[in-house]
Amino acid sequence: MTVLGKDSPHNKQTSVSDADKFIHKHTELPTTRISQWIDGGVSLIGKGASWLWIVVTGVIIWAVVGRYAFGEGSVTLEEVQWHLAGIGWLLGLSYTLVVDDHVRVDVLHERLSLRGQAWIELFGLLLLLLPFLGLAVYEMFPYAYHSWQQGETSQAPAGLPYRWVLKGILALSFSLLIVAALSRLLKVTALLFGFPKPIRVESGNNKKEDAS
C-alpha cells in the first residue's frame, strides 16, 4: 500500500471499503441447526472461562503486593495463578475454533475459492485434527483418573492439592475441541454436499441464506 504525502491531490482518509481489502476474511461456511446449538454451548463455556483472567489478574496483584509490600511470599498464590491461567486458556481453545479465530498459517488456503477452502477444511478435520484429538482424549482421561486415584498433590511445600482437577480440565478441553471440530465438519459438509441442510442465520439487521 502506498502512503501519499500531504500535498498529494489524492490524499484523503482511507475509506472502510478500501481498508477492507487488507483484512483477511475467515472461511465463511454455512451453519446448521446442530452446529448452531454446539457453537452456542461452546461459546458460553469460552466466554465464561474468559472471566478467569480477571481473577488471575487479581491474584497476581495480591501476590505482588504481599511479596514486595509486606515481604510475605506465597507458594499457594503462585500455583493458583498458573492453575487459573491454564484453565482459562484450555477452555478457550474450543471457543476460538467455533468462531474461526484460531491461528492459521495461510499460504494457499486464502487464495482458493470458498469451495476449495472447504475441501481443505474437510480433509484437515478428518485426517489431521479429529484423529489427533481422539488420541489426546484417549490418553488424557486415564491420566487424570490415575492422578485422582493417587491423590496427587503439588510437590511444592504449601502447594495446592487435587492436581487431578487440572489434569481433568485438560481432558475436558480436548473433548470440547472434538465437539467444536464436529460442528465445523457439519458446516463443511453442508457447503460441499448440502447435508445437513443449511439454515438461515441473522447477519446484522438482515437475514441471509448461509449456503451458496
C-alpha atoms as a PDB file:
ATOM      1  CA  MET A   1       0.000   0.000   0.000  1.00  0.00           C
ATOM      2  CA  THR A   2       1.384   3.429  -0.945  1.00  0.00           C
ATOM      3  CA  VAL A   3       1.332   6.213   1.626  1.00  0.00           C
ATOM      4  CA  LEU A   4       0.517   9.531  -0.046  1.00  0.00           C
ATOM      5  CA  GLY A   5       2.054  12.797   1.065  1.00  0.00           C
ATOM      6  CA  LYS A   6       0.141  15.747   2.451  1.00  0.00           C
ATOM      7  CA  ASP A   7       0.350  17.656  -0.850  1.00  0.00           C
ATOM      8  CA  SER A   8      -0.961  14.808  -2.971  1.00  0.00           C
ATOM      9  CA  PRO A   9      -4.222  15.684  -4.763  1.00  0.00           C
ATOM     10  CA  HIS A  10      -5.456  12.200  -3.948  1.00  0.00           C
ATOM     11  CA  ASN A  11      -4.708  12.498  -0.239  1.00  0.00           C
ATOM     12  CA  LYS A  12      -7.752  11.525   1.746  1.00  0.00           C
ATOM     13  CA  GLN A  13      -8.635   9.285   4.608  1.00  0.00           C
ATOM     14  CA  THR A  14      -8.798   5.643   3.575  1.00  0.00           C
ATOM     15  CA  SER A  15     -12.415   4.552   3.423  1.00  0.00           C
ATOM     16  CA  VAL A  16     -13.718   1.486   5.178  1.00  0.00           C
ATOM     17  CA  SER A  17     -14.150  -0.281   1.843  1.00  0.00           C
ATOM     18  CA  ASP A  18     -10.504   0.418   0.912  1.00  0.00           C
ATOM     19  CA  ALA A  19      -9.199  -0.800   4.267  1.00  0.00           C
ATOM     20  CA  ASP A  20     -11.408  -3.850   3.999  1.00  0.00           C
ATOM     21  CA  LYS A  21      -9.229  -5.128   1.144  1.00  0.00           C
ATOM     22  CA  PHE A  22      -6.328  -5.591   3.553  1.00  0.00           C
ATOM     23  CA  ILE A  23      -8.314  -7.526   6.174  1.00  0.00           C
ATOM     24  CA  HIS A  24      -8.094 -11.288   5.974  1.00  0.00           C
ATOM     25  CA  LYS A  25     -11.522 -12.891   5.840  1.00  0.00           C
ATOM     26  CA  HIS A  26     -12.426 -16.019   7.720  1.00  0.00           C
ATOM     27  CA  THR A  27     -13.755 -19.006   5.810  1.00  0.00           C
ATOM     28  CA  GLU A  28     -17.448 -18.133   5.617  1.00  0.00           C
ATOM     29  CA  LEU A  29     -19.069 -21.530   5.995  1.00  0.00           C
ATOM     30  CA  PRO A  30     -22.831 -22.054   6.260  1.00  0.00           C
ATOM     31  CA  THR A  31     -24.262 -23.174   9.540  1.00  0.00           C
ATOM     32  CA  THR A  32     -26.636 -25.969  10.503  1.00  0.00           C
ATOM     33  CA  ARG A  33     -29.096 -26.388  13.328  1.00  0.00           C
ATOM     34  CA  ILE A  34     -26.822 -28.804  15.208  1.00  0.00           C
ATOM     35  CA  SER A  35     -23.777 -26.602  14.655  1.00  0.00           C
ATOM     36  CA  GLN A  36     -25.684 -23.614  15.945  1.00  0.00           C
ATOM     37  CA  TRP A  37     -26.527 -25.427  19.183  1.00  0.00           C
ATOM     38  CA  ILE A  38     -22.996 -26.714  19.604  1.00  0.00           C
ATOM     39  CA  ASP A  39     -21.419 -23.333  18.879  1.00  0.00           C
ATOM     40  CA  GLY A  40     -23.751 -21.655  21.354  1.00  0.00           C
ATOM     41  CA  GLY A  41     -22.804 -24.066  24.141  1.00  0.00           C
ATOM     42  CA  VAL A  42     -19.076 -23.931  23.418  1.00  0.00           C
ATOM     43  CA  SER A  43     -19.171 -20.138  23.169  1.00  0.00           C
ATOM     44  CA  LEU A  44     -20.936 -19.928  26.522  1.00  0.00           C
ATOM     45  CA  ILE A  45     -18.193 -22.018  28.139  1.00  0.00           C
ATOM     46  CA  GLY A  46     -15.457 -19.996  26.439  1.00  0.00           C
ATOM     47  CA  LYS A  47     -16.920 -16.648  27.453  1.00  0.00           C
ATOM     48  CA  GLY A  48     -17.412 -17.897  30.993  1.00  0.00           C
ATOM     49  CA  ALA A  49     -13.791 -19.041  31.154  1.00  0.00           C
ATOM     50  CA  SER A  50     -12.628 -15.622  29.938  1.00  0.00           C
ATOM     51  CA  TRP A  51     -13.696 -14.146  33.287  1.00  0.00           C
ATOM     52  CA  LEU A  52     -10.967 -16.206  34.917  1.00  0.00           C
ATOM     53  CA  TRP A  53      -8.414 -13.758  33.511  1.00  0.00           C
ATOM     54  CA  ILE A  54      -9.836 -11.047  35.768  1.00  0.00           C
ATOM     55  CA  VAL A  55      -9.431 -13.387  38.718  1.00  0.00           C
ATOM     56  CA  VAL A  56      -5.884 -14.243  37.615  1.00  0.00           C
ATOM     57  CA  THR A  57      -5.031 -10.535  37.438  1.00  0.00           C
ATOM     58  CA  GLY A  58      -6.404 -10.009  40.940  1.00  0.00           C
ATOM     59  CA  VAL A  59      -4.413 -12.935  42.327  1.00  0.00           C
ATOM     60  CA  ILE A  60      -1.218 -11.666  40.681  1.00  0.00           C
ATOM     61  CA  ILE A  61      -1.703  -8.194  42.179  1.00  0.00           C
ATOM     62  CA  TRP A  62      -2.398  -9.749  45.581  1.00  0.00           C
ATOM     63  CA  ALA A  63       0.735 -11.886  45.363  1.00  0.00           C
ATOM     64  CA  VAL A  64       2.937  -8.975  44.229  1.00  0.00           C
ATOM     65  CA  VAL A  65       1.683  -6.641  46.954  1.00  0.00           C
ATOM     66  CA  GLY A  66       2.135  -9.346  49.569  1.00  0.00           C
ATOM     67  CA  ARG A  67       5.668 -10.114  48.446  1.00  0.00           C
ATOM     68  CA  TYR A  68       7.033  -6.603  47.961  1.00  0.00           C
ATOM     69  CA  ALA A  69       4.954  -4.559  50.397  1.00  0.00           C
ATOM     70  CA  PHE A  70       4.768  -6.994  53.295  1.00  0.00           C
ATOM     71  CA  GLY A  71       7.618  -9.406  52.498  1.00  0.00           C
ATOM     72  CA  GLU A  72       5.283 -12.406  52.505  1.00  0.00           C
ATOM     73  CA  GLY A  73       5.593 -14.695  49.515  1.00  0.00           C
ATOM     74  CA  SER A  74       3.028 -17.416  48.936  1.00  0.00           C
ATOM     75  CA  VAL A  75       3.564 -20.647  47.035  1.00  0.00           C
ATOM     76  CA  THR A  76      -0.190 -21.210  47.146  1.00  0.00           C
ATOM     77  CA  LEU A  77      -0.911 -17.931  45.346  1.00  0.00           C
ATOM     78  CA  GLU A  78       1.747 -18.653  42.737  1.00  0.00           C
ATOM     79  CA  GLU A  79       0.181 -22.012  41.962  1.00  0.00           C
ATOM     80  CA  VAL A  80      -3.327 -20.545  41.929  1.00  0.00           C
ATOM     81  CA  GLN A  81      -2.112 -18.127  39.249  1.00  0.00           C
ATOM     82  CA  TRP A  82      -0.944 -20.747  36.788  1.00  0.00           C
ATOM     83  CA  HIS A  83      -3.783 -23.137  37.597  1.00  0.00           C
ATOM     84  CA  LEU A  84      -6.396 -20.491  36.755  1.00  0.00           C
ATOM     85  CA  ALA A  85      -4.446 -19.249  33.723  1.00  0.00           C
ATOM     86  CA  GLY A  86      -4.167 -22.817  32.452  1.00  0.00           C
ATOM     87  CA  ILE A  87      -7.885 -23.459  32.921  1.00  0.00           C
ATOM     88  CA  GLY A  88      -8.838 -20.216  31.167  1.00  0.00           C
ATOM     89  CA  TRP A  89      -6.557 -20.958  28.239  1.00  0.00           C
ATOM     90  CA  LEU A  90      -7.606 -24.594  27.878  1.00  0.00           C
ATOM     91  CA  LEU A  91     -11.339 -23.889  27.994  1.00  0.00           C
ATOM     92  CA  GLY A  92     -10.895 -21.064  25.492  1.00  0.00           C
ATOM     93  CA  LEU A  93      -9.368 -23.283  22.797  1.00  0.00           C
ATOM     94  CA  SER A  94     -12.676 -24.691  21.569  1.00  0.00           C
ATOM     95  CA  TYR A  95     -14.205 -21.195  21.533  1.00  0.00           C
ATOM     96  CA  THR A  96     -11.528 -19.969  19.120  1.00  0.00           C
ATOM     97  CA  LEU A  97     -12.370 -22.866  16.803  1.00  0.00           C
ATOM     98  CA  VAL A  98     -16.126 -22.265  16.646  1.00  0.00           C
ATOM     99  CA  VAL A  99     -15.624 -18.547  15.935  1.00  0.00           C
ATOM    100  CA  ASP A 100     -12.761 -19.314  13.498  1.00  0.00           C
ATOM    101  CA  ASP A 101     -10.354 -17.061  15.380  1.00  0.00           C
ATOM    102  CA  HIS A 102      -7.571 -19.586  15.873  1.00  0.00           C
ATOM    103  CA  VAL A 103      -4.149 -19.028  14.339  1.00  0.00           C
ATOM    104  CA  ARG A 104      -3.841 -20.023  10.697  1.00  0.00           C
ATOM    105  CA  VAL A 105      -0.746 -20.130   8.531  1.00  0.00           C
ATOM    106  CA  ASP A 106      -2.445 -19.487   5.195  1.00  0.00           C
ATOM    107  CA  VAL A 107      -0.222 -19.753   2.145  1.00  0.00           C
ATOM    108  CA  LEU A 108      -2.535 -21.450  -0.334  1.00  0.00           C
ATOM    109  CA  HIS A 109      -5.789 -21.637   1.611  1.00  0.00           C
ATOM    110  CA  GLU A 110      -6.684 -17.937   1.421  1.00  0.00           C
ATOM    111  CA  ARG A 111      -6.053 -17.858  -2.339  1.00  0.00           C
ATOM    112  CA  LEU A 112      -8.638 -20.538  -3.086  1.00  0.00           C
ATOM    113  CA  SER A 113     -12.352 -20.257  -3.709  1.00  0.00           C
ATOM    114  CA  LEU A 114     -14.765 -20.907  -0.850  1.00  0.00           C
ATOM    115  CA  ARG A 115     -15.360 -24.466  -2.019  1.00  0.00           C
ATOM    116  CA  GLY A 116     -11.614 -25.033  -2.337  1.00  0.00           C
ATOM    117  CA  GLN A 117     -11.155 -23.828   1.226  1.00  0.00           C
ATOM    118  CA  ALA A 118     -13.962 -26.132   2.328  1.00  0.00           C
ATOM    119  CA  TRP A 119     -12.245 -29.167   0.776  1.00  0.00           C
ATOM    120  CA  ILE A 120      -9.061 -28.316   2.684  1.00  0.00           C
ATOM    121  CA  GLU A 121     -11.118 -27.963   5.873  1.00  0.00           C
ATOM    122  CA  LEU A 122     -12.755 -31.342   5.231  1.00  0.00           C
ATOM    123  CA  PHE A 123      -9.507 -33.262   4.793  1.00  0.00           C
ATOM    124  CA  GLY A 124      -7.810 -31.341   7.579  1.00  0.00           C
ATOM    125  CA  LEU A 125     -10.578 -32.147  10.046  1.00  0.00           C
ATOM    126  CA  LEU A 126     -10.965 -35.810   9.079  1.00  0.00           C
ATOM    127  CA  LEU A 127      -7.326 -36.746   8.581  1.00  0.00           C
ATOM    128  CA  LEU A 128      -5.462 -34.469  10.997  1.00  0.00           C
ATOM    129  CA  LEU A 129      -7.411 -32.659  13.707  1.00  0.00           C
ATOM    130  CA  LEU A 130     -10.008 -35.251  14.754  1.00  0.00           C
ATOM    131  CA  PRO A 131      -7.564 -38.221  14.854  1.00  0.00           C
ATOM    132  CA  PHE A 132      -5.121 -36.162  16.931  1.00  0.00           C
ATOM    133  CA  LEU A 133      -7.843 -35.044  19.341  1.00  0.00           C
ATOM    134  CA  GLY A 134      -9.197 -38.583  19.649  1.00  0.00           C
ATOM    135  CA  LEU A 135      -5.753 -39.856  20.593  1.00  0.00           C
ATOM    136  CA  ALA A 136      -5.307 -36.996  23.068  1.00  0.00           C
ATOM    137  CA  VAL A 137      -8.622 -37.715  24.806  1.00  0.00           C
ATOM    138  CA  TYR A 138      -7.796 -41.432  24.892  1.00  0.00           C
ATOM    139  CA  GLU A 139      -4.606 -40.605  26.794  1.00  0.00           C
ATOM    140  CA  MET A 140      -5.804 -37.700  28.924  1.00  0.00           C
ATOM    141  CA  PHE A 141      -8.753 -39.243  30.747  1.00  0.00           C
ATOM    142  CA  PRO A 142      -6.691 -42.131  32.205  1.00  0.00           C
ATOM    143  CA  TYR A 143      -4.002 -39.542  33.004  1.00  0.00           C
ATOM    144  CA  ALA A 144      -6.482 -37.553  35.114  1.00  0.00           C
ATOM    145  CA  TYR A 145      -8.041 -40.694  36.621  1.00  0.00           C
ATOM    146  CA  HIS A 146      -4.699 -42.051  37.828  1.00  0.00           C
ATOM    147  CA  SER A 147      -3.936 -38.670  39.377  1.00  0.00           C
ATOM    148  CA  TRP A 148      -7.243 -38.840  41.271  1.00  0.00           C
ATOM    149  CA  GLN A 149      -6.601 -42.422  42.389  1.00  0.00           C
ATOM    150  CA  GLN A 150      -3.191 -41.498  43.782  1.00  0.00           C
ATOM    151  CA  GLY A 151      -4.475 -38.346  45.472  1.00  0.00           C
ATOM    152  CA  GLU A 152      -1.784 -36.393  43.633  1.00  0.00           C
ATOM    153  CA  THR A 153      -0.874 -33.021  45.108  1.00  0.00           C
ATOM    154  CA  SER A 154       1.682 -30.343  44.362  1.00  0.00           C
ATOM    155  CA  GLN A 155       5.261 -31.293  45.184  1.00  0.00           C
ATOM    156  CA  ALA A 156       5.953 -27.764  46.438  1.00  0.00           C
ATOM    157  CA  PRO A 157       5.621 -27.002  50.159  1.00  0.00           C
ATOM    158  CA  ALA A 158       2.229 -25.380  50.832  1.00  0.00           C
ATOM    159  CA  GLY A 159       1.247 -26.147  47.236  1.00  0.00           C
ATOM    160  CA  LEU A 160      -2.255 -26.930  46.061  1.00  0.00           C
ATOM    161  CA  PRO A 161      -3.890 -30.345  46.480  1.00  0.00           C
ATOM    162  CA  TYR A 162      -6.154 -32.052  43.937  1.00  0.00           C
ATOM    163  CA  ARG A 163      -3.777 -31.902  40.996  1.00  0.00           C
ATOM    164  CA  TRP A 164      -6.194 -34.226  39.176  1.00  0.00           C
ATOM    165  CA  VAL A 165      -8.593 -31.298  38.716  1.00  0.00           C
ATOM    166  CA  LEU A 166      -6.224 -29.502  36.352  1.00  0.00           C
ATOM    167  CA  LYS A 167      -5.499 -32.737  34.504  1.00  0.00           C
ATOM    168  CA  GLY A 168      -9.230 -33.330  34.229  1.00  0.00           C
ATOM    169  CA  ILE A 169      -9.657 -29.867  32.716  1.00  0.00           C
ATOM    170  CA  LEU A 170      -7.015 -30.821  30.164  1.00  0.00           C
ATOM    171  CA  ALA A 171      -9.074 -33.867  29.156  1.00  0.00           C
ATOM    172  CA  LEU A 172     -12.247 -31.771  29.101  1.00  0.00           C
ATOM    173  CA  SER A 173     -10.556 -29.187  26.879  1.00  0.00           C
ATOM    174  CA  PHE A 174      -9.667 -31.780  24.236  1.00  0.00           C
ATOM    175  CA  SER A 175     -13.203 -33.188  24.440  1.00  0.00           C
ATOM    176  CA  LEU A 176     -14.667 -29.732  23.801  1.00  0.00           C
ATOM    177  CA  LEU A 177     -12.295 -29.349  20.865  1.00  0.00           C
ATOM    178  CA  ILE A 178     -13.682 -32.566  19.383  1.00  0.00           C
ATOM    179  CA  VAL A 179     -17.224 -31.226  19.748  1.00  0.00           C
ATOM    180  CA  ALA A 180     -16.217 -27.910  18.152  1.00  0.00           C
ATOM    181  CA  ALA A 181     -14.427 -29.726  15.316  1.00  0.00           C
ATOM    182  CA  LEU A 182     -17.519 -31.860  14.641  1.00  0.00           C
ATOM    183  CA  SER A 183     -19.611 -28.694  14.493  1.00  0.00           C
ATOM    184  CA  ARG A 184     -17.229 -27.265  11.903  1.00  0.00           C
ATOM    185  CA  LEU A 185     -17.269 -30.544   9.986  1.00  0.00           C
ATOM    186  CA  LEU A 186     -21.062 -30.300   9.699  1.00  0.00           C
ATOM    187  CA  LYS A 187     -20.707 -26.785   8.282  1.00  0.00           C
ATOM    188  CA  VAL A 188     -18.197 -28.013   5.712  1.00  0.00           C
ATOM    189  CA  THR A 189     -20.411 -30.912   4.587  1.00  0.00           C
ATOM    190  CA  ALA A 190     -23.390 -28.553   4.439  1.00  0.00           C
ATOM    191  CA  LEU A 191     -21.484 -26.397   1.966  1.00  0.00           C
ATOM    192  CA  LEU A 192     -19.992 -29.211  -0.117  1.00  0.00           C
ATOM    193  CA  PHE A 193     -22.793 -31.774  -0.086  1.00  0.00           C
ATOM    194  CA  GLY A 194     -25.878 -29.937   1.197  1.00  0.00           C
ATOM    195  CA  PHE A 195     -26.076 -32.190   4.246  1.00  0.00           C
ATOM    196  CA  PRO A 196     -27.068 -31.346   6.938  1.00  0.00           C
ATOM    197  CA  LYS A 197     -29.372 -28.729   5.496  1.00  0.00           C
ATOM    198  CA  PRO A 198     -28.015 -25.189   5.960  1.00  0.00           C
ATOM    199  CA  ILE A 199     -30.230 -22.832   7.908  1.00  0.00           C
ATOM    200  CA  ARG A 200     -30.893 -19.130   7.700  1.00  0.00           C
ATOM    201  CA  VAL A 201     -28.973 -17.069  10.229  1.00  0.00           C
ATOM    202  CA  GLU A 202     -29.075 -13.480  11.391  1.00  0.00           C
ATOM    203  CA  SER A 203     -26.367 -11.263   9.911  1.00  0.00           C
ATOM    204  CA  GLY A 204     -26.522  -7.705  11.191  1.00  0.00           C
ATOM    205  CA  ASN A 205     -30.029  -6.405  10.535  1.00  0.00           C
ATOM    206  CA  ASN A 206     -30.645  -8.756   7.649  1.00  0.00           C
ATOM    207  CA  LYS A 207     -31.241 -12.451   7.319  1.00  0.00           C
ATOM    208  CA  LYS A 208     -29.333 -14.335   4.697  1.00  0.00           C
ATOM    209  CA  GLU A 209     -29.079 -17.888   3.481  1.00  0.00           C
ATOM    210  CA  ASP A 210     -25.815 -19.321   4.734  1.00  0.00           C
ATOM    211  CA  ALA A 211     -25.259 -21.550   1.747  1.00  0.00           C
ATOM    212  CA  SER A 212     -24.192 -20.726  -1.740  1.00  0.00           C
END
